[in-house]
Amino acid sequence: MTQYGKIHSYDATKGAGMIKPEKGGDALPFAKADLQQQAQAPQAEQRFGYDTKQDNGGKAHAINLQMEQGDDDSSAKQQS
């Protein structure tokens, strides 16, 4: 099930970042390899759709990140 969040931080030298879920909760880590559009580095506050997976230690990670296109305000109004 696709979830949505905004990029909290991204370190291009490490190829890793954190995404903050829109529905609340702790920010989830992700790797550059998990980005569907790897040509561009994600910027803070960009909205992405993503899936999650559990690592061997049981911690959640964001995978299959896809940048959301369009106006964030209109999608928020539709959910209200």
PDB file of N, CA and C in Angstrom:
ATOM      1  N   MET A   1       0.836  -1.174   0.000  1.00  0.00           N
ATOM      2  CA  MET A   1       0.000   0.000   0.000  1.00  0.00           C
ATOM      3  C   MET A   1       0.887   1.246   0.000  1.00  0.00           C
ATOM      4  N   THR A   2       0.665   2.117  -0.928  1.00  0.00           N
ATOM      5  CA  THR A   2       1.481   3.315  -1.047  1.00  0.00           C
ATOM      6  C   THR A   2       1.143   4.301   0.063  1.00  0.00           C
ATOM      7  N   GLN A   3       2.185   4.833   0.657  1.00  0.00           N
ATOM      8  CA  GLN A   3       2.057   5.879   1.659  1.00  0.00           C
ATOM      9  C   GLN A   3       2.662   7.144   1.078  1.00  0.00           C
ATOM     10  N   TYR A   4       2.437   8.265   1.739  1.00  0.00           N
ATOM     11  CA  TYR A   4       2.965   9.534   1.249  1.00  0.00           C
ATOM     12  C   TYR A   4       3.680  10.273   2.369  1.00  0.00           C
ATOM     13  N   GLY A   5       4.702  11.009   1.964  1.00  0.00           N
ATOM     14  CA  GLY A   5       5.458  11.788   2.930  1.00  0.00           C
ATOM     15  C   GLY A   5       6.299  12.822   2.218  1.00  0.00           C
ATOM     16  N   LYS A   6       6.979  13.639   3.016  1.00  0.00           N
ATOM     17  CA  LYS A   6       7.861  14.663   2.474  1.00  0.00           C
ATOM     18  C   LYS A   6       9.286  14.389   2.924  1.00  0.00           C
ATOM     19  N   ILE A   7      10.207  14.691   2.029  1.00  0.00           N
ATOM     20  CA  ILE A   7      11.614  14.487   2.335  1.00  0.00           C
ATOM     21  C   ILE A   7      11.994  15.366   3.523  1.00  0.00           C
ATOM     22  N   HIS A   8      12.546  14.738   4.533  1.00  0.00           N
ATOM     23  CA  HIS A   8      13.000  15.457   5.724  1.00  0.00           C
ATOM     24  C   HIS A   8      14.453  15.902   5.521  1.00  0.00           C
ATOM     25  N   SER A   9      15.261  14.990   4.989  1.00  0.00           N
ATOM     26  CA  SER A   9      16.667  15.306   4.717  1.00  0.00           C
ATOM     27  C   SER A   9      17.216  14.318   3.701  1.00  0.00           C
ATOM     28  N   TYR A  10      18.283  14.739   3.000  1.00  0.00           N
ATOM     29  CA  TYR A  10      18.945  13.848   2.050  1.00  0.00           C
ATOM     30  C   TYR A  10      20.414  14.254   1.964  1.00  0.00           C
ATOM     31  N   ASP A  11      21.312  13.305   2.109  1.00  0.00           N
ATOM     32  CA  ASP A  11      22.751  13.531   2.016  1.00  0.00           C
ATOM     33  C   ASP A  11      23.248  12.859   0.732  1.00  0.00           C
ATOM     34  N   ALA A  12      23.521  13.675  -0.286  1.00  0.00           N
ATOM     35  CA  ALA A  12      23.932  13.147  -1.591  1.00  0.00           C
ATOM     36  C   ALA A  12      25.260  12.404  -1.499  1.00  0.00           C
ATOM     37  N   THR A  13      26.152  12.816  -0.607  1.00  0.00           N
ATOM     38  CA  THR A  13      27.443  12.131  -0.508  1.00  0.00           C
ATOM     39  C   THR A  13      27.291  10.723   0.061  1.00  0.00           C
ATOM     40  N   LYS A  14      26.329  10.535   0.943  1.00  0.00           N
ATOM     41  CA  LYS A  14      26.065   9.203   1.507  1.00  0.00           C
ATOM     42  C   LYS A  14      25.054   8.419   0.677  1.00  0.00           C
ATOM     43  N   GLY A  15      24.257   9.140  -0.138  1.00  0.00           N
ATOM     44  CA  GLY A  15      23.217   8.476  -0.917  1.00  0.00           C
ATOM     45  C   GLY A  15      22.109   7.931  -0.037  1.00  0.00           C
ATOM     46  N   ALA A  16      21.786   8.690   1.019  1.00  0.00           N
ATOM     47  CA  ALA A  16      20.758   8.246   1.957  1.00  0.00           C
ATOM     48  C   ALA A  16      20.002   9.452   2.499  1.00  0.00           C
ATOM     49  N   GLY A  17      18.769   9.199   2.923  1.00  0.00           N
ATOM     50  CA  GLY A  17      17.966  10.280   3.466  1.00  0.00           C
ATOM     51  C   GLY A  17      16.878   9.761   4.372  1.00  0.00           C
ATOM     52  N   MET A  18      16.005  10.700   4.766  1.00  0.00           N
ATOM     53  CA  MET A  18      14.888  10.397   5.644  1.00  0.00           C
ATOM     54  C   MET A  18      13.625  11.018   5.054  1.00  0.00           C
ATOM     55  N   ILE A  19      12.503  10.302   5.162  1.00  0.00           N
ATOM     56  CA  ILE A  19      11.218  10.815   4.701  1.00  0.00           C
ATOM     57  C   ILE A  19      10.243  10.780   5.876  1.00  0.00           C
ATOM     58  N   LYS A  20       9.499  11.873   6.054  1.00  0.00           N
ATOM     59  CA  LYS A  20       8.550  12.019   7.161  1.00  0.00           C
ATOM     60  C   LYS A  20       7.147  11.662   6.661  1.00  0.00           C
ATOM     61  N   PRO A  21       6.520  10.615   7.206  1.00  0.00           N
ATOM     62  CA  PRO A  21       5.177  10.225   6.770  1.00  0.00           C
ATOM     63  C   PRO A  21       4.145  11.325   7.018  1.00  0.00           C
ATOM     64  N   GLU A  22       3.229  11.517   6.068  1.00  0.00           N
ATOM     65  CA  GLU A  22       2.173  12.518   6.218  1.00  0.00           C
ATOM     66  C   GLU A  22       1.214  12.169   7.353  1.00  0.00           C
ATOM     67  N   LYS A  23       1.009  10.889   7.593  1.00  0.00           N
ATOM     68  CA  LYS A  23       0.049  10.471   8.617  1.00  0.00           C
ATOM     69  C   LYS A  23       0.670  10.422  10.005  1.00  0.00           C
ATOM     70  N   GLY A  24       1.892  10.934  10.131  1.00  0.00           N
ATOM     71  CA  GLY A  24       2.545  10.964  11.433  1.00  0.00           C
ATOM     72  C   GLY A  24       3.485   9.792  11.631  1.00  0.00           C
ATOM     73  N   GLY A  25       4.211   9.862  12.714  1.00  0.00           N
ATOM     74  CA  GLY A  25       5.180   8.813  13.019  1.00  0.00           C
ATOM     75  C   GLY A  25       6.594   9.286  12.747  1.00  0.00           C
ATOM     76  N   ASP A  26       7.532   8.428  13.051  1.00  0.00           N
ATOM     77  CA  ASP A  26       8.942   8.748  12.881  1.00  0.00           C
ATOM     78  C   ASP A  26       9.336   8.763  11.415  1.00  0.00           C
ATOM     79  N   ALA A  27      10.328   9.589  11.102  1.00  0.00           N
ATOM     80  CA  ALA A  27      10.870   9.628   9.746  1.00  0.00           C
ATOM     81  C   ALA A  27      11.512   8.278   9.432  1.00  0.00           C
ATOM     82  N   LEU A  28      11.374   7.851   8.180  1.00  0.00           N
ATOM     83  CA  LEU A  28      11.912   6.564   7.740  1.00  0.00           C
ATOM     84  C   LEU A  28      13.149   6.774   6.874  1.00  0.00           C
ATOM     85  N   PRO A  29      14.167   5.942   7.062  1.00  0.00           N
ATOM     86  CA  PRO A  29      15.345   6.045   6.206  1.00  0.00           C
ATOM     87  C   PRO A  29      15.085   5.464   4.814  1.00  0.00           C
ATOM     88  N   PHE A  30      15.833   5.974   3.833  1.00  0.00           N
ATOM     89  CA  PHE A  30      15.804   5.406   2.491  1.00  0.00           C
ATOM     90  C   PHE A  30      17.171   5.586   1.861  1.00  0.00           C
ATOM     91  N   ALA A  31      17.461   4.782   0.850  1.00  0.00           N
ATOM     92  CA  ALA A  31      18.729   4.858   0.126  1.00  0.00           C
ATOM     93  C   ALA A  31      18.474   5.375  -1.285  1.00  0.00           C
ATOM     94  N   LYS A  32      19.512   5.904  -1.906  1.00  0.00           N
ATOM     95  CA  LYS A  32      19.387   6.412  -3.280  1.00  0.00           C
ATOM     96  C   LYS A  32      18.849   5.323  -4.205  1.00  0.00           C
ATOM     97  N   ALA A  33      19.237   4.091  -3.974  1.00  0.00           N
ATOM     98  CA  ALA A  33      18.774   2.975  -4.805  1.00  0.00           C
ATOM     99  C   ALA A  33      17.261   2.784  -4.716  1.00  0.00           C
ATOM    100  N   ASP A  34      16.629   3.303  -3.652  1.00  0.00           N
ATOM    101  CA  ASP A  34      15.180   3.180  -3.481  1.00  0.00           C
ATOM    102  C   ASP A  34      14.402   4.247  -4.243  1.00  0.00           C
ATOM    103  N   LEU A  35      15.099   5.238  -4.801  1.00  0.00           N
ATOM    104  CA  LEU A  35      14.448   6.299  -5.576  1.00  0.00           C
ATOM    105  C   LEU A  35      14.175   5.817  -6.990  1.00  0.00           C
ATOM    106  N   GLN A  36      12.962   5.997  -7.476  1.00  0.00           N
ATOM    107  CA  GLN A  36      12.623   5.600  -8.838  1.00  0.00           C
ATOM    108  C   GLN A  36      13.245   6.553  -9.855  1.00  0.00           C
ATOM    109  N   GLN A  37      13.352   7.836  -9.518  1.00  0.00           N
ATOM    110  CA  GLN A  37      13.999   8.828 -10.394  1.00  0.00           C
ATOM    111  C   GLN A  37      15.356   9.166  -9.777  1.00  0.00           C
ATOM    112  N   GLN A  38      16.356   8.342 -10.043  1.00  0.00           N
ATOM    113  CA  GLN A  38      17.651   8.507  -9.399  1.00  0.00           C
ATOM    114  C   GLN A  38      18.488   9.629  -9.997  1.00  0.00           C
ATOM    115  N   ALA A  39      18.086  10.178 -11.143  1.00  0.00           N
ATOM    116  CA  ALA A  39      18.880  11.217 -11.785  1.00  0.00           C
ATOM    117  C   ALA A  39      18.908  12.497 -10.953  1.00  0.00           C
ATOM    118  N   GLN A  40      17.812  12.792 -10.236  1.00  0.00           N
ATOM    119  CA  GLN A  40      17.741  14.010  -9.435  1.00  0.00           C
ATOM    120  C   GLN A  40      17.783  13.671  -7.957  1.00  0.00           C
ATOM    121  N   ALA A  41      18.570  14.443  -7.209  1.00  0.00           N
ATOM    122  CA  ALA A  41      18.585  14.272  -5.763  1.00  0.00           C
ATOM    123  C   ALA A  41      17.309  14.877  -5.192  1.00  0.00           C
ATOM    124  N   PRO A  42      16.652  14.198  -4.262  1.00  0.00           N
ATOM    125  CA  PRO A  42      15.434  14.751  -3.668  1.00  0.00           C
ATOM    126  C   PRO A  42      15.753  15.978  -2.819  1.00  0.00           C
ATOM    127  N   GLN A  43      14.834  16.916  -2.791  1.00  0.00           N
ATOM    128  CA  GLN A  43      14.989  18.141  -2.019  1.00  0.00           C
ATOM    129  C   GLN A  43      14.056  18.097  -0.806  1.00  0.00           C
ATOM    130  N   ALA A  44      14.442  18.790   0.253  1.00  0.00           N
ATOM    131  CA  ALA A  44      13.617  18.869   1.454  1.00  0.00           C
ATOM    132  C   ALA A  44      12.233  19.396   1.093  1.00  0.00           C
ATOM    133  N   GLU A  45      11.222  18.811   1.694  1.00  0.00           N
ATOM    134  CA  GLU A  45       9.811  19.177   1.530  1.00  0.00           C
ATOM    135  C   GLU A  45       9.183  18.679   0.223  1.00  0.00           C
ATOM    136  N   GLN A  46       9.923  17.968  -0.632  1.00  0.00           N
ATOM    137  CA  GLN A  46       9.302  17.367  -1.813  1.00  0.00           C
ATOM    138  C   GLN A  46       8.442  16.203  -1.353  1.00  0.00           C
ATOM    139  N   ARG A  47       7.283  16.042  -1.981  1.00  0.00           N
ATOM    140  CA  ARG A  47       6.345  14.986  -1.618  1.00  0.00           C
ATOM    141  C   ARG A  47       6.621  13.744  -2.473  1.00  0.00           C
ATOM    142  N   PHE A  48       6.683  12.598  -1.805  1.00  0.00           N
ATOM    143  CA  PHE A  48       6.929  11.325  -2.472  1.00  0.00           C
ATOM    144  C   PHE A  48       5.915  10.292  -2.007  1.00  0.00           C
ATOM    145  N   GLY A  49       5.564   9.397  -2.908  1.00  0.00           N
ATOM    146  CA  GLY A  49       4.839   8.193  -2.552  1.00  0.00           C
ATOM    147  C   GLY A  49       5.887   7.109  -2.311  1.00  0.00           C
ATOM    148  N   TYR A  50       5.619   6.186  -1.402  1.00  0.00           N
ATOM    149  CA  TYR A  50       6.596   5.137  -1.103  1.00  0.00           C
ATOM    150  C   TYR A  50       5.916   3.926  -0.485  1.00  0.00           C
ATOM    151  N   ASP A  51       6.648   2.830  -0.497  1.00  0.00           N
ATOM    152  CA  ASP A  51       6.245   1.614   0.202  1.00  0.00           C
ATOM    153  C   ASP A  51       7.214   1.433   1.364  1.00  0.00           C
ATOM    154  N   THR A  52       6.902   0.525   2.266  1.00  0.00           N
ATOM    155  CA  THR A  52       7.822   0.254   3.375  1.00  0.00           C
ATOM    156  C   THR A  52       8.178  -1.222   3.407  1.00  0.00           C
ATOM    157  N   LYS A  53       9.321  -1.500   3.989  1.00  0.00           N
ATOM    158  CA  LYS A  53       9.730  -2.883   4.249  1.00  0.00           C
ATOM    159  C   LYS A  53      10.449  -2.908   5.583  1.00  0.00           C
ATOM    160  N   GLN A  54      10.462  -4.066   6.197  1.00  0.00           N
ATOM    161  CA  GLN A  54      11.143  -4.257   7.471  1.00  0.00           C
ATOM    162  C   GLN A  54      12.514  -4.866   7.197  1.00  0.00           C
ATOM    163  N   ASP A  55      13.548  -4.333   7.866  1.00  0.00           N
ATOM    164  CA  ASP A  55      14.867  -4.952   7.734  1.00  0.00           C
ATOM    165  C   ASP A  55      14.953  -6.135   8.698  1.00  0.00           C
ATOM    166  N   ASN A  56      16.084  -6.808   8.726  1.00  0.00           N
ATOM    167  CA  ASN A  56      16.235  -7.994   9.576  1.00  0.00           C
ATOM    168  C   ASN A  56      16.067  -7.679  11.054  1.00  0.00           C
ATOM    169  N   GLY A  57      16.339  -6.442  11.438  1.00  0.00           N
ATOM    170  CA  GLY A  57      16.171  -6.041  12.832  1.00  0.00           C
ATOM    171  C   GLY A  57      14.757  -5.582  13.154  1.00  0.00           C
ATOM    172  N   GLY A  58      13.862  -5.590  12.164  1.00  0.00           N
ATOM    173  CA  GLY A  58      12.479  -5.199  12.384  1.00  0.00           C
ATOM    174  C   GLY A  58      12.200  -3.718  12.200  1.00  0.00           C
ATOM    175  N   LYS A  59      13.202  -2.941  11.775  1.00  0.00           N
ATOM    176  CA  LYS A  59      12.997  -1.511  11.560  1.00  0.00           C
ATOM    177  C   LYS A  59      12.453  -1.258  10.160  1.00  0.00           C
ATOM    178  N   ALA A  60      11.545  -0.292  10.054  1.00  0.00           N
ATOM    179  CA  ALA A  60      10.930   0.039   8.767  1.00  0.00           C
ATOM    180  C   ALA A  60      11.842   0.943   7.948  1.00  0.00           C
ATOM    181  N   HIS A  61      11.856   0.727   6.632  1.00  0.00           N
ATOM    182  CA  HIS A  61      12.580   1.550   5.671  1.00  0.00           C
ATOM    183  C   HIS A  61      11.638   1.900   4.531  1.00  0.00           C
ATOM    184  N   ALA A  62      11.809   3.082   3.955  1.00  0.00           N
ATOM    185  CA  ALA A  62      11.021   3.474   2.789  1.00  0.00           C
ATOM    186  C   ALA A  62      11.696   2.922   1.536  1.00  0.00           C
ATOM    187  N   ILE A  63      10.897   2.366   0.631  1.00  0.00           N
ATOM    188  CA  ILE A  63      11.411   1.839  -0.637  1.00  0.00           C
ATOM    189  C   ILE A  63      10.493   2.304  -1.764  1.00  0.00           C
ATOM    190  N   ASN A  64      10.952   2.152  -3.000  1.00  0.00           N
ATOM    191  CA  ASN A  64      10.160   2.496  -4.189  1.00  0.00           C
ATOM    192  C   ASN A  64       9.624   3.927  -4.148  1.00  0.00           C
ATOM    193  N   LEU A  65      10.469   4.883  -3.769  1.00  0.00           N
ATOM    194  CA  LEU A  65      10.032   6.272  -3.680  1.00  0.00           C
ATOM    195  C   LEU A  65       9.791   6.855  -5.059  1.00  0.00           C
ATOM    196  N   GLN A  66       8.628   7.466  -5.244  1.00  0.00           N
ATOM    197  CA  GLN A  66       8.281   8.120  -6.505  1.00  0.00           C
ATOM    198  C   GLN A  66       7.806   9.534  -6.206  1.00  0.00           C
ATOM    199  N   MET A  67       8.429  10.507  -6.871  1.00  0.00           N
ATOM    200  CA  MET A  67       8.060  11.894  -6.658  1.00  0.00           C
ATOM    201  C   MET A  67       6.641  12.125  -7.135  1.00  0.00           C
ATOM    202  N   GLU A  68       5.858  12.815  -6.324  1.00  0.00           N
ATOM    203  CA  GLU A  68       4.483  13.140  -6.664  1.00  0.00           C
ATOM    204  C   GLU A  68       4.466  14.405  -7.510  1.00  0.00           C
ATOM    205  N   GLN A  69       3.715  14.373  -8.601  1.00  0.00           N
ATOM    206  CA  GLN A  69       3.575  15.527  -9.492  1.00  0.00           C
ATOM    207  C   GLN A  69       2.308  16.274  -9.138  1.00  0.00           C
ATOM    208  N   GLY A  70       2.281  17.553  -9.459  1.00  0.00           N
ATOM    209  CA  GLY A  70       1.045  18.316  -9.281  1.00  0.00           C
ATOM    210  C   GLY A  70       1.060  19.177  -8.047  1.00  0.00           C
ATOM    211  N   ASP A  71      -0.097  19.746  -7.756  1.00  0.00           N
ATOM    212  CA  ASP A  71      -0.268  20.711  -6.683  1.00  0.00           C
ATOM    213  C   ASP A  71      -0.584  19.993  -5.376  1.00  0.00           C
ATOM    214  N   ASP A  72       0.284  20.146  -4.379  1.00  0.00           N
ATOM    215  CA  ASP A  72       0.064  19.503  -3.089  1.00  0.00           C
ATOM    216  C   ASP A  72      -1.222  19.983  -2.424  1.00  0.00           C
ATOM    217  N   ASP A  73      -1.580  21.263  -2.579  1.00  0.00           N
ATOM    218  CA  ASP A  73      -2.780  21.808  -1.950  1.00  0.00           C
ATOM    219  C   ASP A  73      -4.038  21.132  -2.463  1.00  0.00           C
ATOM    220  N   SER A  74      -4.120  20.868  -3.762  1.00  0.00           N
ATOM    221  CA  SER A  74      -5.325  20.254  -4.311  1.00  0.00           C
ATOM    222  C   SER A  74      -5.496  18.828  -3.807  1.00  0.00           C
ATOM    223  N   SER A  75      -4.421  18.086  -3.639  1.00  0.00           N
ATOM    224  CA  SER A  75      -4.534  16.720  -3.146  1.00  0.00           C
ATOM    225  C   SER A  75      -4.926  16.738  -1.673  1.00  0.00           C
ATOM    226  N   ALA A  76      -4.438  17.712  -0.920  1.00  0.00           N
ATOM    227  CA  ALA A  76      -4.801  17.805   0.491  1.00  0.00           C
ATOM    228  C   ALA A  76      -6.285  18.158   0.637  1.00  0.00           C
ATOM    229  N   LYS A  77      -6.798  19.009  -0.237  1.00  0.00           N
ATOM    230  CA  LYS A  77      -8.218  19.397  -0.184  1.00  0.00           C
ATOM    231  C   LYS A  77      -9.104  18.212  -0.531  1.00  0.00           C
ATOM    232  N   GLN A  78      -8.662  17.359  -1.451  1.00  0.00           N
ATOM    233  CA  GLN A  78      -9.462  16.205  -1.844  1.00  0.00           C
ATOM    234  C   GLN A  78      -9.557  15.196  -0.705  1.00  0.00           C
ATOM    235  N   GLN A  79      -8.522  15.115   0.137  1.00  0.00           N
ATOM    236  CA  GLN A  79      -8.523  14.179   1.247  1.00  0.00           C
ATOM    237  C   GLN A  79      -9.356  14.676   2.410  1.00  0.00           C
ATOM    238  N   SER A  80      -9.665  15.957   2.488  1.00  0.00           N
ATOM    239  CA  SER A  80     -10.417  16.537   3.602  1.00  0.00           C
ATOM    240  C   SER A  80     -11.875  16.139   3.559  1.00  0.00           C
TER     241      SER A  80
END
